[in-house]
């Protein structure tokens, strides 16, 4: 029997060698017909810690490695860009204060 291969987005990379990957899907409501967004959460084994939060990854089914981990990382498809808002705000404030000093 072939193993399932699917794609998802890494939502957590806090644990060593384990990633939380969400796979989004659309489901049609049985009565009303509206399409609803649902997600499947998979815990993935990442041996080399190559993926990080926000990355699009490809995963494959594997033997159970723990109580919840049943998937392995195949490859990172697209690197995510996590933006540090606190650092951006600090940099913009520093630039504003420099421009005020130059005006004086």
N, C-alpha and C. Protein backbone atom coordinates (compact mmCIF):
# COMPACT_ATOMS: atom_id res chain seq x y z
N UNK A 1 0.83 -1.18 0.00
CA UNK A 1 0.00 0.00 0.00
C UNK A 1 0.88 1.24 0.00
N UNK A 2 0.65 2.20 -0.93
CA UNK A 2 1.50 3.40 -0.99
C UNK A 2 1.24 4.33 0.19
N UNK A 3 2.29 5.06 0.55
CA UNK A 3 2.17 6.00 1.65
C UNK A 3 1.58 7.32 1.16
N UNK A 4 0.79 7.96 2.00
CA UNK A 4 0.20 9.25 1.66
C UNK A 4 1.28 10.33 1.69
N UNK A 5 1.29 11.15 0.64
CA UNK A 5 2.18 12.31 0.57
C UNK A 5 1.29 13.53 0.47
N UNK A 6 1.52 14.54 1.31
CA UNK A 6 0.69 15.73 1.30
C UNK A 6 1.53 16.97 1.61
N UNK A 7 0.92 18.14 1.44
CA UNK A 7 1.61 19.40 1.68
C UNK A 7 0.87 20.19 2.74
N UNK A 8 1.61 20.96 3.53
CA UNK A 8 1.02 21.78 4.57
C UNK A 8 1.96 22.91 4.96
N UNK A 9 1.56 23.63 6.01
CA UNK A 9 2.33 24.78 6.49
C UNK A 9 2.73 24.52 7.94
N UNK A 10 3.99 24.77 8.25
CA UNK A 10 4.49 24.59 9.61
C UNK A 10 3.94 25.71 10.49
N UNK A 11 3.26 25.33 11.58
CA UNK A 11 2.70 26.34 12.48
C UNK A 11 3.45 26.42 13.80
N UNK A 12 4.28 25.41 14.10
CA UNK A 12 5.05 25.46 15.34
C UNK A 12 6.35 24.70 15.14
N UNK A 13 7.46 25.31 15.57
CA UNK A 13 8.76 24.65 15.50
C UNK A 13 9.49 24.74 16.84
N UNK A 14 8.72 24.72 17.91
CA UNK A 14 9.29 24.93 19.24
C UNK A 14 9.99 23.69 19.79
N UNK A 15 9.58 22.51 19.39
CA UNK A 15 10.17 21.28 19.92
C UNK A 15 11.29 20.78 19.01
N UNK A 16 12.23 20.06 19.58
CA UNK A 16 13.36 19.54 18.82
C UNK A 16 12.90 18.37 17.95
N UNK A 17 13.22 18.43 16.68
CA UNK A 17 12.93 17.38 15.70
C UNK A 17 11.45 17.10 15.49
N UNK A 18 10.57 17.98 15.95
CA UNK A 18 9.13 17.80 15.76
C UNK A 18 8.55 19.12 15.27
N UNK A 19 7.68 19.02 14.28
CA UNK A 19 7.00 20.19 13.74
C UNK A 19 5.50 19.94 13.75
N UNK A 20 4.74 21.00 13.95
CA UNK A 20 3.27 20.93 13.87
C UNK A 20 2.90 21.50 12.52
N UNK A 21 2.28 20.68 11.68
CA UNK A 21 1.94 21.07 10.31
C UNK A 21 0.43 21.06 10.16
N UNK A 22 -0.12 22.15 9.61
CA UNK A 22 -1.55 22.22 9.34
C UNK A 22 -1.79 22.06 7.85
N UNK A 23 -2.78 21.22 7.52
CA UNK A 23 -3.17 20.99 6.14
C UNK A 23 -4.58 21.56 5.96
N UNK A 24 -4.72 22.70 5.26
CA UNK A 24 -6.05 23.29 5.10
C UNK A 24 -6.86 22.54 4.05
N UNK A 25 -8.19 22.53 4.22
CA UNK A 25 -9.08 21.89 3.25
C UNK A 25 -10.44 22.57 3.31
N UNK A 26 -11.22 22.44 2.26
CA UNK A 26 -12.57 22.97 2.19
C UNK A 26 -13.56 21.82 2.25
N UNK A 27 -14.60 21.97 3.07
CA UNK A 27 -15.63 20.95 3.22
C UNK A 27 -16.97 21.59 2.94
N UNK A 28 -17.79 20.92 2.18
CA UNK A 28 -19.12 21.44 1.86
C UNK A 28 -20.09 21.05 2.97
N UNK A 29 -20.83 22.03 3.49
CA UNK A 29 -21.81 21.76 4.54
C UNK A 29 -22.91 20.89 3.95
N UNK A 30 -23.30 19.80 4.67
CA UNK A 30 -24.26 18.86 4.09
C UNK A 30 -25.65 19.46 3.85
N UNK A 31 -26.08 20.38 4.71
CA UNK A 31 -27.43 20.92 4.57
C UNK A 31 -27.45 22.23 3.78
N UNK A 32 -26.55 23.15 4.10
CA UNK A 32 -26.61 24.49 3.53
C UNK A 32 -25.75 24.68 2.29
N UNK A 33 -24.80 23.78 2.06
CA UNK A 33 -24.00 23.86 0.84
C UNK A 33 -22.86 24.84 0.89
N UNK A 34 -22.72 25.59 1.98
CA UNK A 34 -21.62 26.55 2.09
C UNK A 34 -20.31 25.79 2.31
N UNK A 35 -19.24 26.30 1.71
CA UNK A 35 -17.94 25.69 1.89
C UNK A 35 -17.29 26.24 3.15
N UNK A 36 -16.85 25.34 4.02
CA UNK A 36 -16.24 25.71 5.29
C UNK A 36 -14.77 25.36 5.27
N UNK A 37 -13.97 26.21 5.91
CA UNK A 37 -12.53 25.94 6.01
C UNK A 37 -12.29 25.04 7.22
N UNK A 38 -11.63 23.95 7.00
CA UNK A 38 -11.23 23.03 8.06
C UNK A 38 -9.74 22.78 7.92
N UNK A 39 -9.13 22.27 8.98
CA UNK A 39 -7.71 21.97 8.93
C UNK A 39 -7.43 20.65 9.62
N UNK A 40 -6.42 19.98 9.14
CA UNK A 40 -5.93 18.76 9.74
C UNK A 40 -4.56 19.07 10.33
N UNK A 41 -4.34 18.69 11.58
CA UNK A 41 -3.08 18.95 12.25
C UNK A 41 -2.28 17.66 12.30
N UNK A 42 -1.04 17.69 11.81
CA UNK A 42 -0.15 16.53 11.82
C UNK A 42 1.12 16.91 12.56
N UNK A 43 1.63 16.00 13.33
CA UNK A 43 2.93 16.18 13.97
C UNK A 43 3.95 15.42 13.15
N UNK A 44 5.01 16.14 12.74
CA UNK A 44 5.95 15.65 11.74
C UNK A 44 7.34 15.52 12.34
N UNK A 45 8.03 14.43 12.00
CA UNK A 45 9.41 14.24 12.43
C UNK A 45 10.34 14.94 11.45
N UNK A 46 11.15 15.87 11.96
CA UNK A 46 12.10 16.64 11.17
C UNK A 46 13.49 16.37 11.75
N UNK A 47 14.18 15.39 11.20
CA UNK A 47 15.43 14.90 11.78
C UNK A 47 16.50 15.99 11.87
N UNK A 48 16.63 16.83 10.85
CA UNK A 48 17.71 17.83 10.82
C UNK A 48 17.26 19.23 11.20
N UNK A 49 16.04 19.38 11.69
CA UNK A 49 15.49 20.70 12.05
C UNK A 49 15.63 21.69 10.90
N UNK A 50 15.28 21.27 9.68
CA UNK A 50 15.43 22.14 8.51
C UNK A 50 14.26 23.08 8.31
N UNK A 51 13.08 22.74 8.80
CA UNK A 51 11.91 23.59 8.58
C UNK A 51 11.68 24.50 9.78
N UNK A 52 11.03 25.63 9.50
CA UNK A 52 10.71 26.59 10.55
C UNK A 52 9.30 27.09 10.36
N UNK A 53 8.82 27.87 11.30
CA UNK A 53 7.45 28.36 11.27
C UNK A 53 7.18 29.16 10.00
N UNK A 54 6.05 28.86 9.34
CA UNK A 54 5.67 29.55 8.13
C UNK A 54 6.11 28.88 6.85
N UNK A 55 6.94 27.84 6.93
CA UNK A 55 7.41 27.14 5.74
C UNK A 55 6.33 26.23 5.18
N UNK A 56 6.25 26.15 3.86
CA UNK A 56 5.40 25.17 3.19
C UNK A 56 6.24 23.91 3.01
N UNK A 57 5.73 22.77 3.47
CA UNK A 57 6.50 21.53 3.47
C UNK A 57 5.72 20.39 2.83
N UNK A 58 6.45 19.38 2.42
CA UNK A 58 5.86 18.15 1.92
C UNK A 58 6.15 17.05 2.93
N UNK A 59 5.11 16.30 3.33
CA UNK A 59 5.27 15.28 4.35
C UNK A 59 4.74 13.95 3.84
N UNK A 60 5.21 12.86 4.46
CA UNK A 60 4.80 11.52 4.06
C UNK A 60 4.49 10.70 5.31
N UNK A 61 3.54 9.81 5.20
CA UNK A 61 3.19 8.93 6.33
C UNK A 61 4.38 8.04 6.69
N UNK A 62 4.51 7.72 7.98
CA UNK A 62 5.60 6.85 8.42
C UNK A 62 5.11 5.99 9.59
N UNK A 63 6.01 5.22 10.11
CA UNK A 63 5.68 4.41 11.29
C UNK A 63 5.45 5.34 12.47
N UNK A 64 4.68 4.94 13.46
CA UNK A 64 4.49 5.79 14.64
C UNK A 64 5.81 5.98 15.39
N UNK A 65 6.18 7.24 15.60
CA UNK A 65 7.40 7.55 16.34
C UNK A 65 7.13 7.92 17.78
N UNK A 66 5.90 8.34 18.06
CA UNK A 66 5.49 8.65 19.43
C UNK A 66 3.97 8.55 19.48
N UNK A 67 3.38 9.04 20.56
CA UNK A 67 1.92 8.97 20.70
C UNK A 67 1.21 9.74 19.60
N UNK A 68 1.77 10.88 19.18
CA UNK A 68 1.09 11.71 18.19
C UNK A 68 1.82 11.79 16.85
N UNK A 69 3.12 11.51 16.81
CA UNK A 69 3.90 11.70 15.58
C UNK A 69 3.76 10.51 14.65
N UNK A 70 3.20 10.77 13.43
CA UNK A 70 2.97 9.70 12.46
C UNK A 70 3.44 10.10 11.06
N UNK A 71 4.13 11.21 10.92
CA UNK A 71 4.54 11.74 9.63
C UNK A 71 6.03 12.08 9.65
N UNK A 72 6.65 12.10 8.45
CA UNK A 72 8.04 12.50 8.29
C UNK A 72 8.13 13.63 7.27
N UNK A 73 9.09 14.50 7.46
CA UNK A 73 9.33 15.60 6.53
C UNK A 73 10.07 15.05 5.31
N UNK A 74 9.56 15.37 4.11
CA UNK A 74 10.24 14.99 2.87
C UNK A 74 11.14 16.13 2.43
N UNK A 75 10.55 17.34 2.28
CA UNK A 75 11.35 18.49 1.86
C UNK A 75 10.60 19.77 2.18
N UNK A 76 11.34 20.86 2.21
CA UNK A 76 10.76 22.18 2.40
C UNK A 76 10.49 22.75 1.01
N UNK A 77 9.22 23.06 0.73
CA UNK A 77 8.85 23.57 -0.59
C UNK A 77 9.16 25.06 -0.72
N UNK A 78 8.66 25.85 0.24
CA UNK A 78 8.85 27.31 0.21
C UNK A 78 9.20 27.77 1.61
N UNK A 79 10.27 28.54 1.72
CA UNK A 79 10.64 29.11 3.01
C UNK A 79 9.69 30.25 3.35
N UNK A 80 9.19 30.26 4.58
CA UNK A 80 8.30 31.32 5.03
C UNK A 80 9.09 32.51 5.50
N UNK A 81 8.46 33.67 5.46
CA UNK A 81 9.10 34.89 5.92
C UNK A 81 8.39 35.35 7.18
N UNK A 82 8.98 35.06 8.32
CA UNK A 82 8.42 35.49 9.59
C UNK A 82 8.94 36.89 9.88
N UNK A 83 8.03 37.81 10.10
CA UNK A 83 8.40 39.21 10.30
C UNK A 83 8.39 39.52 11.79
N UNK A 84 9.48 40.08 12.29
CA UNK A 84 9.58 40.47 13.68
C UNK A 84 9.10 41.92 13.80
N UNK A 85 7.85 42.09 14.23
CA UNK A 85 7.26 43.43 14.30
C UNK A 85 7.96 44.32 15.32
N UNK A 86 8.38 43.74 16.44
CA UNK A 86 9.04 44.53 17.48
C UNK A 86 10.34 45.13 16.94
N UNK A 87 11.11 44.35 16.19
CA UNK A 87 12.36 44.85 15.63
C UNK A 87 12.11 45.93 14.58
N UNK A 88 11.04 45.76 13.78
CA UNK A 88 10.72 46.77 12.77
C UNK A 88 10.32 48.08 13.42
N UNK A 89 9.53 48.03 14.49
CA UNK A 89 9.10 49.24 15.17
C UNK A 89 10.29 49.95 15.81
N UNK A 90 11.18 49.17 16.43
CA UNK A 90 12.36 49.77 17.06
C UNK A 90 13.24 50.45 16.02
N UNK A 91 13.39 49.83 14.86
CA UNK A 91 14.22 50.42 13.81
C UNK A 91 13.59 51.71 13.28
N UNK A 92 12.26 51.71 13.12
CA UNK A 92 11.61 52.92 12.60
C UNK A 92 11.68 54.06 13.63
N UNK A 93 11.56 53.74 14.92
CA UNK A 93 11.68 54.78 15.95
C UNK A 93 13.10 55.35 15.98
N UNK A 94 14.09 54.48 15.82
CA UNK A 94 15.48 54.94 15.80
C UNK A 94 15.71 55.85 14.61
N UNK A 95 15.14 55.52 13.46
CA UNK A 95 15.30 56.35 12.26
C UNK A 95 14.63 57.70 12.45
N UNK A 96 13.45 57.71 13.11
CA UNK A 96 12.74 58.97 13.36
C UNK A 96 13.54 59.87 14.29
N UNK A 97 14.11 59.27 15.35
CA UNK A 97 14.87 60.09 16.30
C UNK A 97 16.14 60.64 15.64
N UNK A 98 16.76 59.90 14.75
CA UNK A 98 17.95 60.40 14.04
C UNK A 98 17.60 61.57 13.13
N UNK A 99 16.44 61.45 12.46
CA UNK A 99 16.05 62.54 11.56
C UNK A 99 15.68 63.81 12.35
N UNK A 100 15.13 63.66 13.55
CA UNK A 100 14.81 64.82 14.39
C UNK A 100 16.08 65.50 14.87
N UNK A 101 17.11 64.71 15.20
CA UNK A 101 18.38 65.26 15.67
C UNK A 101 19.07 66.03 14.55
N UNK A 102 19.00 65.52 13.32
CA UNK A 102 19.64 66.17 12.18
C UNK A 102 18.94 67.50 11.84
N UNK A 103 17.63 67.59 12.08
CA UNK A 103 16.89 68.80 11.79
C UNK A 103 17.26 69.95 12.73
N UNK A 104 17.73 69.62 13.91
CA UNK A 104 18.04 70.65 14.92
C UNK A 104 19.35 71.26 14.63
